[in-house]
Amino acid sequence: MSPLRPSVYSKPHPPLIRALATEQTMLEMAKEGRPFMLVVQSDDETVRRFRLYQDSMKDHAYSQDQIKTNLRNCWIWRNIIVAETDEKAKSLALPAFEASSELVKHAREHLNTTQEFESVRKGLSNPRFGIDHSLMYGSPATITSRIQRLEDASVGGLILHFRVGTLSKQHNEESLELFANEVMPGFRRDL
């Protein structure tokens, strides 16, 4: 891995956590004993990657305490919509996400130079950008179950993006309230 430029000046420096998408980069972070932030992936892939990261750190002779410390600092990104029922969440989430995806696609096709577009074209078709991978939606019970699975896989934290695509202000506020009142209480821990 290339050295950081410019060099970090404060000592001790703040922790540096690299955002990554590929398995190879994640394994490099494990080898170096560094935590990471994982961009959107499916829950299955996220669980698999966290197991692989732990195994790789063990293989590189890191202690269980070092592995646990790193895992507490490994975060993931999810777009999220919570509604009273799974059906309602789906009816809100899918159109909002699809509209957002089309807007991004249009901007990349028409605002990027040809060279820039060619460099991102392949990435746009990556399954991780699809609804099933990058959007978490459902009732409070469904969302709680999904987050619990991620917690059980030792995910240290979630970066949750609630304002998805064309979701209305009202529906966004309802989603936030349901999350705060019905999902989060099950995950509050003494820090």
N, C-alpha and C. Protein backbone atom coordinates (compact mmCIF):
# COMPACT_ATOMS: atom_id res chain seq x y z
N MET A 1 0.83 -1.18 0.00
CA MET A 1 0.00 0.00 0.00
C MET A 1 0.88 1.25 0.00
N SER A 2 0.48 2.26 -0.72
CA SER A 2 1.25 3.51 -0.81
C SER A 2 1.21 4.24 0.52
N PRO A 3 2.28 4.97 0.86
CA PRO A 3 2.27 5.76 2.08
C PRO A 3 1.27 6.91 1.95
N LEU A 4 0.79 7.38 3.10
CA LEU A 4 -0.16 8.49 3.10
C LEU A 4 0.54 9.77 2.69
N ARG A 5 -0.15 10.57 1.89
CA ARG A 5 0.35 11.87 1.49
C ARG A 5 -0.78 12.86 1.64
N PRO A 6 -0.61 13.98 2.24
CA PRO A 6 0.57 14.35 3.01
C PRO A 6 0.65 13.54 4.30
N SER A 7 1.79 13.56 4.92
CA SER A 7 1.98 12.83 6.17
C SER A 7 1.05 13.39 7.25
N VAL A 8 0.70 12.54 8.19
CA VAL A 8 -0.13 12.97 9.31
C VAL A 8 0.75 13.76 10.27
N TYR A 9 0.29 14.95 10.68
CA TYR A 9 1.12 15.82 11.50
C TYR A 9 0.85 15.71 12.99
N SER A 10 -0.40 15.48 13.39
CA SER A 10 -0.67 15.42 14.82
C SER A 10 -0.16 14.10 15.39
N LYS A 11 0.37 14.16 16.62
CA LYS A 11 0.91 12.97 17.26
C LYS A 11 0.37 12.92 18.68
N PRO A 12 -0.23 11.84 19.11
CA PRO A 12 -0.51 10.71 18.22
C PRO A 12 -1.60 11.11 17.23
N HIS A 13 -1.49 10.60 16.06
CA HIS A 13 -2.44 10.98 15.00
C HIS A 13 -3.81 10.36 15.27
N PRO A 14 -4.85 10.95 14.72
CA PRO A 14 -6.18 10.34 14.84
C PRO A 14 -6.20 9.01 14.09
N PRO A 15 -7.07 8.10 14.50
CA PRO A 15 -7.12 6.83 13.78
C PRO A 15 -7.52 7.04 12.32
N LEU A 16 -6.89 6.30 11.45
CA LEU A 16 -7.18 6.37 10.03
C LEU A 16 -7.90 5.10 9.64
N ILE A 17 -9.10 5.23 9.15
CA ILE A 17 -9.90 4.07 8.76
C ILE A 17 -10.19 4.20 7.28
N ARG A 18 -9.77 3.22 6.52
CA ARG A 18 -9.90 3.27 5.07
C ARG A 18 -11.26 2.74 4.63
N ALA A 19 -11.91 3.49 3.75
CA ALA A 19 -13.14 3.00 3.10
C ALA A 19 -12.72 2.10 1.96
N LEU A 20 -13.41 0.98 1.81
CA LEU A 20 -13.02 0.04 0.76
C LEU A 20 -14.23 -0.71 0.23
N ALA A 21 -14.04 -1.30 -0.94
CA ALA A 21 -15.09 -2.09 -1.58
C ALA A 21 -14.63 -3.50 -1.88
N THR A 22 -13.35 -3.68 -2.16
CA THR A 22 -12.90 -4.98 -2.64
C THR A 22 -12.39 -5.87 -1.52
N GLU A 23 -12.52 -7.15 -1.74
CA GLU A 23 -12.02 -8.14 -0.79
C GLU A 23 -10.51 -8.03 -0.64
N GLN A 24 -9.82 -7.82 -1.74
CA GLN A 24 -8.36 -7.72 -1.71
C GLN A 24 -7.90 -6.59 -0.79
N THR A 25 -8.53 -5.42 -0.90
CA THR A 25 -8.14 -4.29 -0.06
C THR A 25 -8.45 -4.59 1.40
N MET A 26 -9.58 -5.25 1.65
CA MET A 26 -9.93 -5.61 3.02
C MET A 26 -8.87 -6.55 3.62
N LEU A 27 -8.41 -7.50 2.83
CA LEU A 27 -7.37 -8.42 3.30
C LEU A 27 -6.05 -7.70 3.56
N GLU A 28 -5.76 -6.66 2.77
CA GLU A 28 -4.58 -5.84 3.02
C GLU A 28 -4.71 -5.14 4.38
N MET A 29 -5.91 -4.64 4.68
CA MET A 29 -6.13 -3.99 5.97
C MET A 29 -5.97 -4.99 7.11
N ALA A 30 -6.45 -6.21 6.93
CA ALA A 30 -6.28 -7.25 7.96
C ALA A 30 -4.80 -7.53 8.18
N LYS A 31 -4.05 -7.65 7.11
CA LYS A 31 -2.61 -7.94 7.20
C LYS A 31 -1.89 -6.83 7.96
N GLU A 32 -2.31 -5.58 7.72
CA GLU A 32 -1.69 -4.42 8.38
C GLU A 32 -2.27 -4.16 9.76
N GLY A 33 -3.31 -4.92 10.14
CA GLY A 33 -3.93 -4.72 11.45
C GLY A 33 -4.72 -3.44 11.54
N ARG A 34 -5.35 -3.06 10.43
CA ARG A 34 -6.11 -1.81 10.38
C ARG A 34 -7.60 -2.08 10.21
N PRO A 35 -8.44 -1.29 10.88
CA PRO A 35 -9.89 -1.40 10.65
C PRO A 35 -10.25 -0.77 9.30
N PHE A 36 -11.51 -0.94 8.90
CA PHE A 36 -11.95 -0.43 7.60
C PHE A 36 -13.43 -0.03 7.67
N MET A 37 -13.85 0.70 6.65
CA MET A 37 -15.26 1.00 6.43
C MET A 37 -15.64 0.36 5.10
N LEU A 38 -16.66 -0.48 5.13
CA LEU A 38 -17.06 -1.23 3.94
C LEU A 38 -18.24 -0.53 3.27
N VAL A 39 -18.08 -0.25 1.98
CA VAL A 39 -19.18 0.33 1.22
C VAL A 39 -20.26 -0.73 1.04
N VAL A 40 -21.38 -0.34 0.46
CA VAL A 40 -22.54 -1.22 0.38
C VAL A 40 -22.21 -2.57 -0.25
N GLN A 41 -22.68 -3.59 0.42
CA GLN A 41 -22.60 -4.99 -0.02
C GLN A 41 -23.87 -5.65 0.50
N SER A 42 -24.19 -6.83 0.01
CA SER A 42 -25.33 -7.56 0.57
C SER A 42 -25.00 -7.97 2.00
N ASP A 43 -26.03 -8.27 2.79
CA ASP A 43 -25.78 -8.74 4.15
C ASP A 43 -24.97 -10.02 4.14
N ASP A 44 -25.29 -10.95 3.23
CA ASP A 44 -24.53 -12.20 3.14
C ASP A 44 -23.06 -11.93 2.86
N GLU A 45 -22.80 -11.05 1.92
CA GLU A 45 -21.41 -10.73 1.57
C GLU A 45 -20.72 -10.02 2.73
N THR A 46 -21.43 -9.16 3.42
CA THR A 46 -20.85 -8.46 4.57
C THR A 46 -20.44 -9.45 5.65
N VAL A 47 -21.33 -10.38 5.97
CA VAL A 47 -21.03 -11.40 6.99
C VAL A 47 -19.81 -12.22 6.55
N ARG A 48 -19.79 -12.62 5.30
CA ARG A 48 -18.65 -13.40 4.78
C ARG A 48 -17.35 -12.61 4.89
N ARG A 49 -17.41 -11.34 4.51
CA ARG A 49 -16.20 -10.51 4.55
C ARG A 49 -15.68 -10.33 5.97
N PHE A 50 -16.59 -10.13 6.92
CA PHE A 50 -16.14 -9.94 8.30
C PHE A 50 -15.51 -11.22 8.86
N ARG A 51 -16.04 -12.37 8.49
CA ARG A 51 -15.40 -13.63 8.91
C ARG A 51 -14.01 -13.75 8.28
N LEU A 52 -13.92 -13.43 7.01
CA LEU A 52 -12.65 -13.51 6.30
C LEU A 52 -11.62 -12.56 6.91
N TYR A 53 -12.05 -11.36 7.25
CA TYR A 53 -11.17 -10.37 7.88
C TYR A 53 -10.63 -10.91 9.20
N GLN A 54 -11.52 -11.47 10.03
CA GLN A 54 -11.09 -12.03 11.31
C GLN A 54 -10.10 -13.17 11.11
N ASP A 55 -10.42 -14.07 10.19
CA ASP A 55 -9.52 -15.19 9.91
C ASP A 55 -8.16 -14.71 9.41
N SER A 56 -8.18 -13.69 8.58
CA SER A 56 -6.92 -13.17 8.04
C SER A 56 -6.09 -12.52 9.14
N MET A 57 -6.73 -11.78 10.04
CA MET A 57 -5.97 -11.19 11.15
C MET A 57 -5.37 -12.29 12.02
N LYS A 58 -6.14 -13.36 12.28
CA LYS A 58 -5.59 -14.50 13.05
C LYS A 58 -4.39 -15.10 12.33
N ASP A 59 -4.53 -15.28 11.02
CA ASP A 59 -3.43 -15.86 10.23
C ASP A 59 -2.17 -15.00 10.26
N HIS A 60 -2.35 -13.70 10.50
CA HIS A 60 -1.20 -12.79 10.56
C HIS A 60 -0.78 -12.54 12.01
N ALA A 61 -1.19 -13.45 12.90
CA ALA A 61 -0.73 -13.48 14.30
C ALA A 61 -1.19 -12.31 15.16
N TYR A 62 -2.32 -11.70 14.83
CA TYR A 62 -2.87 -10.68 15.71
C TYR A 62 -3.62 -11.37 16.84
N SER A 63 -3.59 -10.78 18.02
CA SER A 63 -4.26 -11.36 19.19
C SER A 63 -5.77 -11.17 19.09
N GLN A 64 -6.50 -11.93 19.88
CA GLN A 64 -7.97 -11.79 19.92
C GLN A 64 -8.35 -10.38 20.35
N ASP A 65 -7.60 -9.80 21.29
CA ASP A 65 -7.89 -8.43 21.73
C ASP A 65 -7.70 -7.43 20.59
N GLN A 66 -6.64 -7.60 19.82
CA GLN A 66 -6.42 -6.70 18.67
C GLN A 66 -7.54 -6.86 17.64
N ILE A 67 -7.94 -8.09 17.40
CA ILE A 67 -9.02 -8.34 16.43
C ILE A 67 -10.32 -7.71 16.91
N LYS A 68 -10.65 -7.90 18.19
CA LYS A 68 -11.89 -7.32 18.74
C LYS A 68 -11.85 -5.79 18.68
N THR A 69 -10.71 -5.22 19.01
CA THR A 69 -10.58 -3.76 18.93
C THR A 69 -10.80 -3.27 17.51
N ASN A 70 -10.19 -3.94 16.55
CA ASN A 70 -10.38 -3.54 15.15
C ASN A 70 -11.83 -3.68 14.73
N LEU A 71 -12.46 -4.80 15.08
CA LEU A 71 -13.85 -5.02 14.67
C LEU A 71 -14.77 -3.93 15.21
N ARG A 72 -14.51 -3.45 16.42
CA ARG A 72 -15.33 -2.36 16.97
C ARG A 72 -15.21 -1.10 16.11
N ASN A 73 -14.11 -0.99 15.37
CA ASN A 73 -13.87 0.18 14.53
C ASN A 73 -14.12 -0.06 13.05
N CYS A 74 -14.67 -1.21 12.70
CA CYS A 74 -15.03 -1.52 11.31
C CYS A 74 -16.51 -1.23 11.11
N TRP A 75 -16.80 -0.35 10.19
CA TRP A 75 -18.17 0.11 9.97
C TRP A 75 -18.61 -0.23 8.55
N ILE A 76 -19.93 -0.22 8.35
CA ILE A 76 -20.49 -0.46 7.02
C ILE A 76 -21.53 0.61 6.71
N TRP A 77 -21.80 0.76 5.42
CA TRP A 77 -22.77 1.74 4.91
C TRP A 77 -24.03 1.03 4.47
N ARG A 78 -25.19 1.59 4.82
CA ARG A 78 -26.46 1.10 4.31
C ARG A 78 -27.39 2.29 4.07
N ASN A 79 -28.13 2.22 2.98
CA ASN A 79 -29.27 3.10 2.75
C ASN A 79 -30.45 2.40 3.42
N ILE A 80 -31.36 3.16 4.05
CA ILE A 80 -32.39 2.51 4.85
C ILE A 80 -33.72 3.25 4.80
N ILE A 81 -34.79 2.47 4.75
CA ILE A 81 -36.15 3.00 4.86
C ILE A 81 -36.93 2.05 5.77
N VAL A 82 -37.53 2.61 6.83
CA VAL A 82 -38.34 1.84 7.76
C VAL A 82 -39.78 2.34 7.64
N ALA A 83 -40.72 1.40 7.58
CA ALA A 83 -42.15 1.75 7.54
C ALA A 83 -42.89 0.77 8.45
N GLU A 84 -44.18 1.02 8.65
CA GLU A 84 -44.97 0.18 9.56
C GLU A 84 -44.96 -1.29 9.15
N THR A 85 -44.98 -1.56 7.86
CA THR A 85 -44.99 -2.95 7.38
C THR A 85 -43.92 -3.13 6.30
N ASP A 86 -43.57 -4.38 6.05
CA ASP A 86 -42.62 -4.66 4.97
C ASP A 86 -43.16 -4.20 3.63
N GLU A 87 -44.45 -4.41 3.42
CA GLU A 87 -45.07 -4.03 2.14
C GLU A 87 -45.02 -2.52 1.92
N LYS A 88 -45.33 -1.76 2.98
CA LYS A 88 -45.29 -0.30 2.86
C LYS A 88 -43.85 0.17 2.61
N ALA A 89 -42.91 -0.42 3.33
CA ALA A 89 -41.51 -0.04 3.13
C ALA A 89 -41.07 -0.31 1.70
N LYS A 90 -41.47 -1.46 1.17
CA LYS A 90 -41.11 -1.80 -0.21
C LYS A 90 -41.73 -0.82 -1.19
N SER A 91 -42.99 -0.46 -0.97
CA SER A 91 -43.67 0.46 -1.89
C SER A 91 -43.04 1.85 -1.88
N LEU A 92 -42.42 2.23 -0.77
CA LEU A 92 -41.73 3.52 -0.69
C LEU A 92 -40.29 3.41 -1.21
N ALA A 93 -39.63 2.33 -0.82
CA ALA A 93 -38.19 2.20 -1.06
C ALA A 93 -37.85 1.99 -2.53
N LEU A 94 -38.54 1.07 -3.17
CA LEU A 94 -38.14 0.72 -4.54
C LEU A 94 -38.24 1.88 -5.52
N PRO A 95 -39.36 2.60 -5.57
CA PRO A 95 -39.41 3.74 -6.51
C PRO A 95 -38.39 4.84 -6.16
N ALA A 96 -38.21 5.11 -4.87
CA ALA A 96 -37.26 6.16 -4.47
C ALA A 96 -35.84 5.77 -4.86
N PHE A 97 -35.49 4.53 -4.62
CA PHE A 97 -34.14 4.06 -4.95
C PHE A 97 -33.91 4.02 -6.46
N GLU A 98 -34.90 3.53 -7.19
CA GLU A 98 -34.77 3.45 -8.65
C GLU A 98 -34.62 4.84 -9.27
N ALA A 99 -35.40 5.81 -8.77
CA ALA A 99 -35.29 7.17 -9.29
C ALA A 99 -33.90 7.75 -9.01
N SER A 100 -33.40 7.49 -7.81
CA SER A 100 -32.07 7.97 -7.46
C SER A 100 -31.00 7.32 -8.34
N SER A 101 -31.13 6.03 -8.56
CA SER A 101 -30.16 5.31 -9.41
C SER A 101 -30.17 5.84 -10.83
N GLU A 102 -31.35 6.13 -11.35
CA GLU A 102 -31.45 6.69 -12.71
C GLU A 102 -30.82 8.07 -12.79
N LEU A 103 -31.01 8.87 -11.75
CA LEU A 103 -30.42 10.21 -11.72
C LEU A 103 -28.89 10.12 -11.74
N VAL A 104 -28.34 9.22 -10.93
CA VAL A 104 -26.88 9.05 -10.90
C VAL A 104 -26.39 8.55 -12.25
N LYS A 105 -27.09 7.59 -12.82
CA LYS A 105 -26.69 7.04 -14.12
C LYS A 105 -26.72 8.14 -15.19
N HIS A 106 -27.79 8.92 -15.21
CA HIS A 106 -27.92 10.01 -16.18
C HIS A 106 -26.78 11.03 -16.01
N ALA A 107 -26.50 11.40 -14.77
CA ALA A 107 -25.44 12.38 -14.52
C ALA A 107 -24.09 11.84 -14.99
N ARG A 108 -23.83 10.58 -14.71
CA ARG A 108 -22.55 10.01 -15.12
C ARG A 108 -22.44 9.93 -16.64
N GLU A 109 -23.54 9.62 -17.31
CA GLU A 109 -23.51 9.50 -18.76
C GLU A 109 -23.39 10.85 -19.45
N HIS A 110 -23.99 11.88 -18.86
CA HIS A 110 -24.06 13.17 -19.54
C HIS A 110 -23.13 14.25 -18.99
N LEU A 111 -22.67 14.11 -17.77
CA LEU A 111 -21.82 15.14 -17.19
C LEU A 111 -20.35 14.76 -17.16
N ASN A 112 -20.06 13.47 -17.17
CA ASN A 112 -18.67 13.03 -17.21
C ASN A 112 -18.13 13.13 -18.63
N THR A 113 -16.83 13.26 -18.72
CA THR A 113 -16.21 13.16 -20.03
C THR A 113 -16.32 11.71 -20.49
N THR A 114 -16.10 11.46 -21.75
CA THR A 114 -16.14 10.09 -22.27
C THR A 114 -15.15 9.21 -21.53
N GLN A 115 -13.97 9.73 -21.29
CA GLN A 115 -12.94 8.96 -20.58
C GLN A 115 -13.38 8.65 -19.15
N GLU A 116 -13.95 9.64 -18.46
CA GLU A 116 -14.42 9.41 -17.09
C GLU A 116 -15.53 8.36 -17.09
N PHE A 117 -16.45 8.49 -18.03
CA PHE A 117 -17.56 7.54 -18.07
C PHE A 117 -17.07 6.13 -18.33
N GLU A 118 -16.13 5.98 -19.23
CA GLU A 118 -15.59 4.64 -19.52
C GLU A 118 -14.97 4.02 -18.28
N SER A 119 -14.36 4.85 -17.44
CA SER A 119 -13.72 4.32 -16.23
C SER A 119 -14.73 3.87 -15.18
N VAL A 120 -15.96 4.41 -15.21
CA VAL A 120 -16.96 4.02 -14.21
C VAL A 120 -18.05 3.12 -14.77
N ARG A 121 -18.12 2.94 -16.08
CA ARG A 121 -19.20 2.17 -16.70
C ARG A 121 -19.32 0.77 -16.09
N LYS A 122 -18.21 0.06 -15.99
CA LYS A 122 -18.25 -1.30 -15.45
C LYS A 122 -18.75 -1.30 -14.01
N GLY A 123 -18.29 -0.34 -13.23
CA GLY A 123 -18.71 -0.25 -11.84
C GLY A 123 -20.19 -0.06 -11.66
N LEU A 124 -20.82 0.65 -12.59
CA LEU A 124 -22.25 0.91 -12.47
C LEU A 124 -23.08 -0.36 -12.55
N SER A 125 -22.55 -1.39 -13.20
CA SER A 125 -23.31 -2.64 -13.33
C SER A 125 -23.00 -3.62 -12.20
N ASN A 126 -22.14 -3.23 -11.26
CA ASN A 126 -21.80 -4.09 -10.14
C ASN A 126 -23.06 -4.36 -9.31
N PRO A 127 -23.34 -5.62 -8.98
CA PRO A 127 -24.55 -5.94 -8.21
C PRO A 127 -24.66 -5.21 -6.88
N ARG A 128 -23.53 -4.79 -6.32
CA ARG A 128 -23.61 -4.12 -5.02
C ARG A 128 -24.34 -2.79 -5.10
N PHE A 129 -24.50 -2.24 -6.30
CA PHE A 129 -25.25 -1.00 -6.45
C PHE A 129 -26.75 -1.25 -6.63
N GLY A 130 -27.15 -2.50 -6.70
CA GLY A 130 -28.55 -2.84 -6.87
C GLY A 130 -29.34 -2.73 -5.58
N ILE A 131 -30.64 -2.76 -5.71
CA ILE A 131 -31.54 -2.61 -4.56
C ILE A 131 -31.27 -3.64 -3.48
N ASP A 132 -31.08 -4.89 -3.87
CA ASP A 132 -30.91 -5.95 -2.88
C ASP A 132 -29.64 -5.81 -2.06
N HIS A 133 -28.66 -5.11 -2.60
CA HIS A 133 -27.39 -4.98 -1.89
C HIS A 133 -27.26 -3.68 -1.12
N SER A 134 -27.75 -2.62 -1.66
CA SER A 134 -27.45 -1.33 -1.04
C SER A 134 -28.63 -0.65 -0.37
N LEU A 135 -29.76 -1.34 -0.30
CA LEU A 135 -30.92 -0.73 0.34
C LEU A 135 -31.52 -1.69 1.35
N MET A 136 -31.60 -1.23 2.59
CA MET A 136 -32.21 -1.99 3.67
C MET A 136 -33.59 -1.36 3.90
N TYR A 137 -34.63 -2.15 3.71
CA TYR A 137 -35.97 -1.61 3.94
C TYR A 137 -36.85 -2.66 4.59
N GLY A 138 -37.85 -2.18 5.33
CA GLY A 138 -38.78 -3.11 5.96
C GLY A 138 -39.41 -2.52 7.20
N SER A 139 -40.18 -3.36 7.87
CA SER A 139 -40.81 -2.99 9.13
C SER A 139 -39.74 -2.90 10.22
N PRO A 140 -40.07 -2.33 11.37
CA PRO A 140 -39.09 -2.31 12.45
C PRO A 140 -38.57 -3.71 12.80
N ALA A 141 -39.44 -4.71 12.78
CA ALA A 141 -39.01 -6.08 13.10
C ALA A 141 -38.02 -6.60 12.06
N THR A 142 -38.28 -6.34 10.79
CA THR A 142 -37.38 -6.78 9.72
C THR A 142 -36.03 -6.09 9.82
N ILE A 143 -36.05 -4.79 10.04
CA ILE A 143 -34.80 -4.03 10.15
C ILE A 143 -34.02 -4.48 11.38
N THR A 144 -34.71 -4.69 12.50
CA THR A 144 -34.05 -5.18 13.71
C THR A 144 -33.35 -6.50 13.45
N SER A 145 -34.03 -7.40 12.76
CA SER A 145 -33.46 -8.71 12.45
C SER A 145 -32.21 -8.58 11.59
N ARG A 146 -32.27 -7.72 10.59
CA ARG A 146 -31.11 -7.54 9.71
C ARG A 146 -29.93 -6.92 10.45
N ILE A 147 -30.20 -5.93 11.27
CA ILE A 147 -29.12 -5.30 12.03
C ILE A 147 -28.54 -6.29 13.04
N GLN A 148 -29.40 -7.10 13.66
CA GLN A 148 -28.90 -8.09 14.61
C GLN A 148 -27.94 -9.06 13.94
N ARG A 149 -28.28 -9.47 12.73
CA ARG A 149 -27.39 -10.38 11.99
C ARG A 149 -26.02 -9.73 11.76
N LEU A 150 -26.03 -8.45 11.42
CA LEU A 150 -24.77 -7.74 11.20
C LEU A 150 -23.99 -7.59 12.51
N GLU A 151 -24.70 -7.31 13.58
CA GLU A 151 -24.04 -7.22 14.88
C GLU A 151 -23.43 -8.57 15.27
N ASP A 152 -24.17 -9.64 15.02
CA ASP A 152 -23.66 -10.99 15.32
C ASP A 152 -22.41 -11.33 14.51
N ALA A 153 -22.26 -10.69 13.37
CA ALA A 153 -21.07 -10.89 12.52
C ALA A 153 -19.90 -10.00 12.95
N SER A 154 -20.08 -9.26 14.04
CA SER A 154 -19.04 -8.39 14.63
C SER A 154 -18.85 -7.08 13.89
N VAL A 155 -19.86 -6.64 13.12
CA VAL A 155 -19.80 -5.31 12.51
C VAL A 155 -19.79 -4.30 13.65
N GLY A 156 -18.81 -3.40 13.64
CA GLY A 156 -18.65 -2.45 14.73
C GLY A 156 -19.67 -1.33 14.73
N GLY A 157 -20.12 -0.91 13.56
CA GLY A 157 -21.08 0.19 13.49
C GLY A 157 -21.66 0.32 12.10
N LEU A 158 -22.76 1.05 12.04
CA LEU A 158 -23.47 1.27 10.79
C LEU A 158 -23.51 2.76 10.48
N ILE A 159 -23.26 3.09 9.24
CA ILE A 159 -23.50 4.43 8.74
C ILE A 159 -24.79 4.30 7.94
N LEU A 160 -25.86 4.87 8.46
CA LEU A 160 -27.18 4.71 7.85
C LEU A 160 -27.59 6.00 7.15
N HIS A 161 -27.95 5.87 5.89
CA HIS A 161 -28.40 7.00 5.09
C HIS A 161 -29.90 6.86 4.90
N PHE A 162 -30.67 7.74 5.54
CA PHE A 162 -32.12 7.64 5.53
C PHE A 162 -32.77 8.35 4.35
N ARG A 163 -32.17 9.40 3.87
CA ARG A 163 -32.82 10.19 2.81
C ARG A 163 -32.51 9.54 1.46
N VAL A 164 -33.30 8.54 1.10
CA VAL A 164 -33.06 7.75 -0.10
C VAL A 164 -33.81 8.35 -1.28
N GLY A 165 -33.08 8.70 -2.32
CA GLY A 165 -33.69 9.12 -3.58
C GLY A 165 -34.78 10.15 -3.44
N THR A 166 -35.93 9.81 -4.00
CA THR A 166 -37.06 10.74 -4.05
C THR A 166 -38.03 10.56 -2.88
N LEU A 167 -37.61 9.88 -1.83
CA LEU A 167 -38.47 9.69 -0.67
C LEU A 167 -38.91 11.05 -0.13
N SER A 168 -40.20 11.20 0.13
CA SER A 168 -40.72 12.49 0.59
C SER A 168 -40.21 12.81 1.99
N LYS A 169 -40.25 14.10 2.33
CA LYS A 169 -39.83 14.54 3.66
C LYS A 169 -40.67 13.84 4.73
N GLN A 170 -41.96 13.75 4.50
CA GLN A 170 -42.86 13.10 5.47
C GLN A 170 -42.47 11.63 5.68
N HIS A 171 -42.28 10.91 4.59
CA HIS A 171 -41.92 9.49 4.72
C HIS A 171 -40.53 9.32 5.34
N ASN A 172 -39.62 10.22 5.03
CA ASN A 172 -38.30 10.17 5.63
C ASN A 172 -38.39 10.37 7.14
N GLU A 173 -39.18 11.35 7.56
CA GLU A 173 -39.34 11.60 9.00
C GLU A 173 -40.00 10.41 9.69
N GLU A 174 -41.00 9.80 9.04
CA GLU A 174 -41.64 8.62 9.61
C GLU A 174 -40.64 7.48 9.75
N SER A 175 -39.79 7.31 8.75
CA SER A 175 -38.76 6.27 8.78
C SER A 175 -37.80 6.50 9.94
N LEU A 176 -37.34 7.73 10.09
CA LEU A 176 -36.43 8.07 11.19
C LEU A 176 -37.08 7.83 12.55
N GLU A 177 -38.35 8.23 12.69
CA GLU A 177 -39.04 8.05 13.97
C GLU A 177 -39.23 6.57 14.30
N LEU A 178 -39.63 5.77 13.32
CA LEU A 178 -39.78 4.34 13.56
C LEU A 178 -38.45 3.71 13.95
N PHE A 179 -37.40 4.12 13.27
CA PHE A 179 -36.07 3.59 13.59
C PHE A 179 -35.68 3.97 15.02
N ALA A 180 -35.84 5.25 15.35
CA ALA A 180 -35.44 5.73 16.68
C ALA A 180 -36.27 5.10 17.79
N ASN A 181 -37.57 4.94 17.56
CA ASN A 181 -38.47 4.48 18.62
C ASN A 181 -38.62 2.97 18.71
N GLU A 182 -38.46 2.26 17.58
CA GLU A 182 -38.75 0.83 17.59
C GLU A 182 -37.57 -0.07 17.26
N VAL A 183 -36.55 0.48 16.63
CA VAL A 183 -35.39 -0.35 16.28
C VAL A 183 -34.23 -0.10 17.25
N MET A 184 -33.84 1.15 17.41
CA MET A 184 -32.66 1.48 18.22
C MET A 184 -32.74 1.03 19.67
N PRO A 185 -33.88 1.09 20.34
CA PRO A 185 -33.88 0.66 21.75
C PRO A 185 -33.33 -0.75 21.96
N GLY A 186 -33.47 -1.62 20.98
CA GLY A 186 -32.95 -2.98 21.10
C GLY A 186 -31.44 -3.07 20.95
N PHE A 187 -30.81 -1.98 20.53
CA PHE A 187 -29.36 -2.01 20.29
C PHE A 187 -28.59 -1.04 21.18
N ARG A 188 -29.27 -0.35 22.07
CA ARG A 188 -28.56 0.59 22.94
C ARG A 188 -27.71 -0.20 23.93
N ARG A 189 -26.47 0.14 24.00
CA ARG A 189 -25.52 -0.53 24.88
C ARG A 189 -24.78 0.51 25.71
N ASP A 190 -24.30 0.07 26.85
CA ASP A 190 -23.42 0.93 27.63
C ASP A 190 -22.09 1.04 26.90
N LEU A 191 -21.66 2.25 26.66
CA LEU A 191 -20.39 2.45 25.95
C LEU A 191 -19.25 2.62 26.92
